[in-house]
Amino acid sequence: MFEIKYSPEASNDLDRIGDYISKDLQNPTAALNTVNAIQDRIDKLKKFPNTGTLLSSIYEDIDLDDYRFVICLNYLAFYRVVGKKVFIDRIFHEKQDYISILLGSKS
């Protein structure tokens, strides 16, 4: 079984997602359900860490060979597998410019 490790940025992403849905959209129940669904999907990586799509398979020109992602509702969780650990680096809404953000964090 693999261990899941959230980066501080990924933890902040989850907090922001929950806060946005709860406060801005005024739906605390949906916020809790959404964050729980994202975490449940990520937890499945403990048993099957390579089930996510390689980011390089859809963006060939980008040097992010070690990144994978899983889809969780309208969100994408980006992660890397190193040894027996799954590092959750970021979680973005599907409409965000996540490639620019990820490339910025790699430089």
Protein backbone atom coordinates (compact mmCIF):
# COMPACT_ATOMS: atom_id res chain seq x y z
CA MET A 1 0.00 0.00 0.00
CA PHE A 2 1.26 3.45 -0.93
CA GLU A 3 1.30 6.46 1.37
CA ILE A 4 -0.45 9.67 0.30
CA LYS A 5 1.36 12.96 1.02
CA TYR A 6 -0.30 16.32 0.33
CA SER A 7 1.91 19.30 -0.44
CA PRO A 8 1.09 22.52 1.42
CA GLU A 9 -0.19 23.92 -1.89
CA ALA A 10 -2.54 20.95 -2.42
CA SER A 11 -3.87 21.32 1.12
CA ASN A 12 -4.45 25.01 0.44
CA ASP A 13 -6.16 24.12 -2.84
CA LEU A 14 -8.62 21.89 -0.95
CA ASP A 15 -9.25 24.64 1.59
CA ARG A 16 -9.87 27.18 -1.18
CA ILE A 17 -12.25 24.82 -2.98
CA GLY A 18 -14.22 24.23 0.21
CA ASP A 19 -14.27 27.92 1.12
CA TYR A 20 -15.38 28.98 -2.35
CA ILE A 21 -18.28 26.54 -2.47
CA SER A 22 -19.27 27.13 1.14
CA LYS A 23 -18.96 30.93 1.29
CA ASP A 24 -19.13 32.29 -2.24
CA LEU A 25 -21.73 29.82 -3.48
CA GLN A 26 -23.30 29.63 -0.01
CA ASN A 27 -23.55 25.86 0.00
CA PRO A 28 -21.65 24.32 2.95
CA THR A 29 -23.11 20.86 2.30
CA ALA A 30 -21.88 20.84 -1.30
CA ALA A 31 -18.50 22.12 -0.12
CA LEU A 32 -18.11 19.22 2.30
CA ASN A 33 -19.32 16.70 -0.29
CA THR A 34 -16.97 18.05 -2.96
CA VAL A 35 -13.87 18.05 -0.74
CA ASN A 36 -14.73 14.56 0.53
CA ALA A 37 -15.20 13.27 -3.02
CA ILE A 38 -11.82 14.67 -4.07
CA GLN A 39 -10.11 13.10 -1.04
CA ASP A 40 -11.89 9.78 -1.61
CA ARG A 41 -10.66 9.68 -5.22
CA ILE A 42 -7.13 10.51 -4.13
CA ASP A 43 -7.26 7.82 -1.42
CA LYS A 44 -7.80 5.20 -4.15
CA LEU A 45 -4.24 5.95 -5.27
CA LYS A 46 -3.02 4.12 -2.14
CA LYS A 47 -3.79 0.84 -3.88
CA PHE A 48 -3.52 1.87 -7.52
CA PRO A 49 -1.08 4.79 -7.83
CA ASN A 50 -0.58 4.45 -11.58
CA THR A 51 -4.26 4.67 -12.51
CA GLY A 52 -3.99 8.37 -13.26
CA THR A 53 -3.28 9.68 -16.72
CA LEU A 54 0.27 10.75 -17.49
CA LEU A 55 0.23 14.47 -18.16
CA SER A 56 2.83 13.95 -20.89
CA SER A 57 0.31 11.80 -22.79
CA ILE A 58 -1.85 14.86 -23.47
CA TYR A 59 0.85 17.57 -23.45
CA GLU A 60 3.81 16.04 -25.28
CA ASP A 61 5.87 19.26 -25.50
CA ILE A 62 5.86 19.87 -21.78
CA ASP A 63 8.56 18.60 -19.45
CA LEU A 64 6.26 17.17 -16.81
CA ASP A 65 6.96 13.50 -17.43
CA ASP A 66 6.64 12.57 -13.78
CA TYR A 67 3.17 14.09 -13.33
CA ARG A 68 -0.04 12.15 -13.41
CA PHE A 69 -3.52 13.35 -12.71
CA VAL A 70 -6.87 11.95 -11.69
CA ILE A 71 -10.23 13.52 -12.32
CA CYS A 72 -12.37 14.17 -9.27
CA LEU A 73 -15.73 15.69 -10.24
CA ASN A 74 -14.75 18.99 -11.93
CA TYR A 75 -11.27 18.96 -10.41
CA LEU A 76 -7.91 17.53 -11.38
CA ALA A 77 -5.48 16.26 -8.77
CA PHE A 78 -1.87 16.31 -9.99
CA TYR A 79 0.56 13.91 -8.39
CA ARG A 80 3.85 12.09 -8.63
CA VAL A 81 4.73 8.57 -7.49
CA VAL A 82 8.12 8.28 -5.80
CA GLY A 83 8.99 4.95 -4.26
CA LYS A 84 6.04 3.91 -2.11
CA LYS A 85 4.67 7.45 -1.77
CA VAL A 86 2.14 9.39 -3.80
CA PHE A 87 2.80 13.12 -3.62
CA ILE A 88 -0.30 15.21 -4.31
CA ASP A 89 1.16 18.45 -5.63
CA ARG A 90 -1.86 20.50 -6.67
CA ILE A 91 -5.62 20.31 -7.13
CA PHE A 92 -7.23 22.56 -9.75
CA HIS A 93 -10.64 23.16 -11.22
CA GLU A 94 -10.75 21.81 -14.76
CA LYS A 95 -11.24 25.33 -16.15
CA GLN A 96 -8.13 26.76 -14.50
CA ASP A 97 -4.96 27.25 -16.52
CA TYR A 98 -3.27 24.45 -14.59
CA ILE A 99 -0.49 23.91 -17.12
CA SER A 100 0.80 27.46 -16.71
CA ILE A 101 0.60 27.14 -12.94
CA LEU A 102 2.38 23.76 -12.92
CA LEU A 103 5.09 24.99 -15.27
CA GLY A 104 5.59 28.03 -13.07
CA SER A 105 6.10 25.79 -10.04
CA LYS A 106 8.71 23.71 -11.88
CA SER A 107 10.99 26.68 -12.63
